[in-house]
C-alpha atoms as a PDB file:
ATOM      1  CA  MET A   1      60.654  60.412 195.790  1.00  0.00           C
ATOM      2  CA  SER A   2      61.635  62.048 192.912  1.00  0.00           C
ATOM      3  CA  TRP A   3      59.386  65.058 191.024  1.00  0.00           C
ATOM      4  CA  THR A   4      58.615  62.744 187.856  1.00  0.00           C
ATOM      5  CA  GLN A   5      57.285  60.029 190.435  1.00  0.00           C
ATOM      6  CA  VAL A   6      55.120  62.527 191.997  1.00  0.00           C
ATOM      7  CA  VAL A   7      53.637  63.554 189.001  1.00  0.00           C
ATOM      8  CA  VAL A   8      52.870  60.245 187.741  1.00  0.00           C
ATOM      9  CA  VAL A   9      51.115  59.082 191.195  1.00  0.00           C
ATOM     10  CA  SER A  10      48.985  62.141 191.085  1.00  0.00           C
ATOM     11  CA  LEU A  11      48.197  61.906 187.488  1.00  0.00           C
ATOM     12  CA  PHE A  12      46.971  58.226 187.846  1.00  0.00           C
ATOM     13  CA  THR A  13      45.093  59.044 191.331  1.00  0.00           C
ATOM     14  CA  THR A  14      43.080  61.686 189.458  1.00  0.00           C
ATOM     15  CA  LEU A  15      42.245  59.422 186.339  1.00  0.00           C
ATOM     16  CA  LEU A  16      41.325  57.310 189.163  1.00  0.00           C
ATOM     17  CA  ILE A  17      38.872  59.287 190.878  1.00  0.00           C
ATOM     18  CA  LEU A  18      37.524  60.614 187.784  1.00  0.00           C
ATOM     19  CA  THR A  19      36.546  56.644 186.149  1.00  0.00           C
ATOM     20  CA  PHE A  20      35.142  55.685 189.588  1.00  0.00           C
ATOM     21  CA  SER A  21      32.898  59.114 190.136  1.00  0.00           C
ATOM     22  CA  SER A  22      29.530  59.555 190.092  1.00  0.00           C
ATOM     23  CA  VAL A  23      30.583  63.122 188.358  1.00  0.00           C
ATOM     24  CA  VAL A  24      31.964  61.276 185.099  1.00  0.00           C
ATOM     25  CA  GLU A  25      28.523  58.873 184.781  1.00  0.00           C
ATOM     26  CA  ASN A  26      26.143  61.696 185.421  1.00  0.00           C
ATOM     27  CA  ALA A  27      27.845  63.405 182.337  1.00  0.00           C
ATOM     28  CA  ALA A  28      27.411  60.843 180.064  1.00  0.00           C
ATOM     29  CA  LEU A  29      24.820  61.585 176.900  1.00  0.00           C
ATOM     30  CA  ARG A  30      21.918  59.442 177.666  1.00  0.00           C
ATOM     31  CA  ASP A  31      19.996  57.639 174.707  1.00  0.00           C
ATOM     32  CA  ASP A  32      16.690  59.509 174.078  1.00  0.00           C
ATOM     33  CA  SER A  33      15.889  57.959 171.077  1.00  0.00           C
ATOM     34  CA  LYS A  34      12.289  56.970 171.760  1.00  0.00           C
ATOM     35  CA  ALA A  35      11.390  59.747 173.514  1.00  0.00           C
ATOM     36  CA  ASP A  36       9.450  62.648 172.275  1.00  0.00           C
ATOM     37  CA  HIS A  37      11.128  65.593 170.441  1.00  0.00           C
ATOM     38  CA  PRO A  38       9.249  68.989 169.921  1.00  0.00           C
ATOM     39  CA  LYS A  39       8.849  69.615 166.237  1.00  0.00           C
ATOM     40  CA  GLY A  40      11.951  71.698 164.821  1.00  0.00           C
ATOM     41  CA  VAL A  41      14.181  70.372 167.502  1.00  0.00           C
ATOM     42  CA  PRO A  42      16.831  67.857 165.386  1.00  0.00           C
ATOM     43  CA  LEU A  43      17.379  64.299 166.802  1.00  0.00           C
ATOM     44  CA  HIS A  44      21.105  64.079 165.318  1.00  0.00           C
ATOM     45  CA  VAL A  45      23.531  66.430 166.958  1.00  0.00           C
ATOM     46  CA  PHE A  46      26.547  64.623 165.300  1.00  0.00           C
ATOM     47  CA  MET A  47      26.813  63.297 161.858  1.00  0.00           C
ATOM     48  CA  PRO A  48      28.900  60.629 160.110  1.00  0.00           C
ATOM     49  CA  GLU A  49      32.319  61.346 159.357  1.00  0.00           C
ATOM     50  CA  SER A  50      32.063  61.266 155.945  1.00  0.00           C
ATOM     51  CA  ASP A  51      29.436  63.678 155.852  1.00  0.00           C
ATOM     52  CA  ALA A  52      31.278  65.958 157.732  1.00  0.00           C
ATOM     53  CA  SER A  53      34.401  65.396 155.773  1.00  0.00           C
ATOM     54  CA  ASN A  54      31.881  66.615 152.533  1.00  0.00           C
ATOM     55  CA  PHE A  55      30.391  69.443 153.758  1.00  0.00           C
ATOM     56  CA  PHE A  56      33.661  71.072 154.836  1.00  0.00           C
ATOM     57  CA  LYS A  57      35.253  70.261 151.369  1.00  0.00           C
ATOM     58  CA  ARG A  58      32.207  72.194 149.895  1.00  0.00           C
ATOM     59  CA  ARG A  59      32.239  74.924 152.084  1.00  0.00           C
ATOM     60  CA  SER A  60      36.094  74.988 151.752  1.00  0.00           C
ATOM     61  CA  ARG A  61      35.530  76.216 148.061  1.00  0.00           C
ATOM     62  CA  ARG A  62      34.363  79.058 146.797  1.00  0.00           C
ATOM     63  CA  SER A  63      31.250  79.097 144.671  1.00  0.00           C
ATOM     64  CA  SER A  64      30.362  81.447 141.571  1.00  0.00           C
ATOM     65  CA  GLY A  65      27.708  83.013 143.503  1.00  0.00           C
ATOM     66  CA  TYR A  66      29.976  84.573 145.997  1.00  0.00           C
ATOM     67  CA  TYR A  67      31.715  87.157 143.371  1.00  0.00           C
ATOM     68  CA  ALA A  68      30.963  90.180 145.414  1.00  0.00           C
ATOM     69  CA  GLU A  69      33.257  88.660 148.762  1.00  0.00           C
ATOM     70  CA  PRO A  70      36.542  88.306 147.475  1.00  0.00           C
ATOM     71  CA  GLN A  71      35.822  91.790 145.470  1.00  0.00           C
ATOM     72  CA  ALA A  72      35.224  93.299 149.126  1.00  0.00           C
ATOM     73  CA  GLU A  73      38.012  92.299 150.312  1.00  0.00           C
ATOM     74  CA  GLN A  74      40.192  93.515 147.317  1.00  0.00           C
ATOM     75  CA  ARG A  75      38.905  96.909 148.103  1.00  0.00           C
ATOM     76  CA  VAL A  76      39.607  96.953 151.937  1.00  0.00           C
ATOM     77  CA  LYS A  77      43.155  95.030 150.955  1.00  0.00           C
ATOM     78  CA  LEU A  78      43.411  98.205 148.301  1.00  0.00           C
ATOM     79  CA  SER A  79      42.594 100.928 150.442  1.00  0.00           C
ATOM     80  CA  LEU A  80      44.501 100.093 153.042  1.00  0.00           C
ATOM     81  CA  SER A  81      47.587 100.184 150.751  1.00  0.00           C
ATOM     82  CA  GLU A  82      46.542 103.138 149.698  1.00  0.00           C
ATOM     83  CA  ARG A  83      46.380 104.543 153.719  1.00  0.00           C
ATOM     84  CA  ARG A  84      49.498 102.873 154.287  1.00  0.00           C
ATOM     85  CA  ARG A  85      51.285 104.529 150.772  1.00  0.00           C
ATOM     86  CA  GLU A  86      49.517 108.126 151.647  1.00  0.00           C
ATOM     87  CA  TYR A  87      51.005 107.800 155.117  1.00  0.00           C
ATOM     88  CA  ASP A  88      54.839 106.973 154.416  1.00  0.00           C
ATOM     89  CA  GLU A  89      54.436 109.446 151.587  1.00  0.00           C
ATOM     90  CA  GLU A  90      53.510 111.816 154.779  1.00  0.00           C
ATOM     91  CA  GLN A  91      56.543 110.438 156.459  1.00  0.00           C
ATOM     92  CA  ARG A  92      58.723 110.972 153.930  1.00  0.00           C
ATOM     93  CA  ASN A  93      57.966 114.245 153.505  1.00  0.00           C
ATOM     94  CA  ASP A  94      57.939 115.546 156.918  1.00  0.00           C
ATOM     95  CA  SER A  95      61.730 113.605 157.100  1.00  0.00           C
ATOM     96  CA  GLU A  96      62.629 115.316 154.339  1.00  0.00           C
ATOM     97  CA  ASN A  97      61.875 118.845 155.125  1.00  0.00           C
ATOM     98  CA  TYR A  98      62.875 118.313 158.803  1.00  0.00           C
ATOM     99  CA  VAL A  99      66.429 117.496 157.145  1.00  0.00           C
ATOM    100  CA  GLU A 100      66.176 120.903 154.923  1.00  0.00           C
ATOM    101  CA  GLU A 101      65.314 122.874 157.596  1.00  0.00           C
ATOM    102  CA  ARG A 102      68.661 121.259 159.567  1.00  0.00           C
ATOM    103  CA  ARG A 103      70.560 121.885 156.355  1.00  0.00           C
ATOM    104  CA  ASP A 104      69.140 125.432 156.220  1.00  0.00           C
ATOM    105  CA  GLU A 105      69.605 126.731 159.647  1.00  0.00           C
ATOM    106  CA  GLN A 106      73.244 124.912 159.922  1.00  0.00           C
ATOM    107  CA  ASN A 107      74.468 126.884 156.743  1.00  0.00           C
ATOM    108  CA  GLU A 108      73.100 130.194 158.484  1.00  0.00           C
ATOM    109  CA  ARG A 109      74.692 129.000 160.628  1.00  0.00           C
ATOM    110  CA  SER A 110      78.140 128.580 159.240  1.00  0.00           C
ATOM    111  CA  ARG A 111      77.536 131.860 157.253  1.00  0.00           C
ATOM    112  CA  GLU A 112      77.505 133.913 160.343  1.00  0.00           C
ATOM    113  CA  MET A 113      79.824 132.219 162.255  1.00  0.00           C
ATOM    114  CA  THR A 114      82.145 132.780 158.376  1.00  0.00           C
ATOM    115  CA  GLU A 115      81.278 136.064 158.764  1.00  0.00           C
ATOM    116  CA  GLN A 116      82.295 136.822 162.321  1.00  0.00           C
ATOM    117  CA  PHE A 117      85.535 135.442 161.447  1.00  0.00           C
ATOM    118  CA  ARG A 118      85.939 137.736 159.221  1.00  0.00           C
ATOM    119  CA  GLU A 119      84.705 140.711 160.780  1.00  0.00           C
ATOM    120  CA  SER A 120      86.948 140.110 163.844  1.00  0.00           C
ATOM    121  CA  HIS A 121      89.896 139.215 162.254  1.00  0.00           C
ATOM    122  CA  TYR A 122      90.364 141.317 159.330  1.00  0.00           C
ATOM    123  CA  ALA A 123      88.648 144.423 160.501  1.00  0.00           C
ATOM    124  CA  GLY A 124      91.040 147.476 159.717  1.00  0.00           C
ATOM    125  CA  LEU A 125      94.561 145.282 159.484  1.00  0.00           C
ATOM    126  CA  TYR A 126      93.908 145.608 155.327  1.00  0.00           C
ATOM    127  CA  HIS A 127      92.641 147.285 153.101  1.00  0.00           C
ATOM    128  CA  ARG A 128      89.401 146.571 150.965  1.00  0.00           C
ATOM    129  CA  SER A 129      90.907 146.563 147.941  1.00  0.00           C
ATOM    130  CA  TYR A 130      93.562 143.156 149.447  1.00  0.00           C
ATOM    131  CA  TRP A 131      90.729 141.458 149.960  1.00  0.00           C
ATOM    132  CA  PHE A 132      89.777 140.259 146.509  1.00  0.00           C
ATOM    133  CA  TYR A 133      92.632 139.366 144.371  1.00  0.00           C
END
């Protein structure tokens, strides 16, 4: 038996068990339309599809009364973008400072190496007046 047959047989068996089980029968909703309901408890939990779609259509559009909500969202977006801009600027400044420090250190090292080279190679071989033509 292949694995697909095993899966199909097990699903079919599960479906049969659930169909004829008393658990499914107990899970069904009772029709208590004649029962006494306390005040304030709605009788209908479900509504017709047309009413539900109208409800969601009305709620999806922004009404003019909720003008403060988009403004608050816009303020949050602006503050977030401002914080992001400040963070990016700070990172850019740190990077530029790091690069500048590295460049200064490199220039200082090369200047020191040049001075050491001149001192070691020209220390007494030439008179000072011959260095510049």
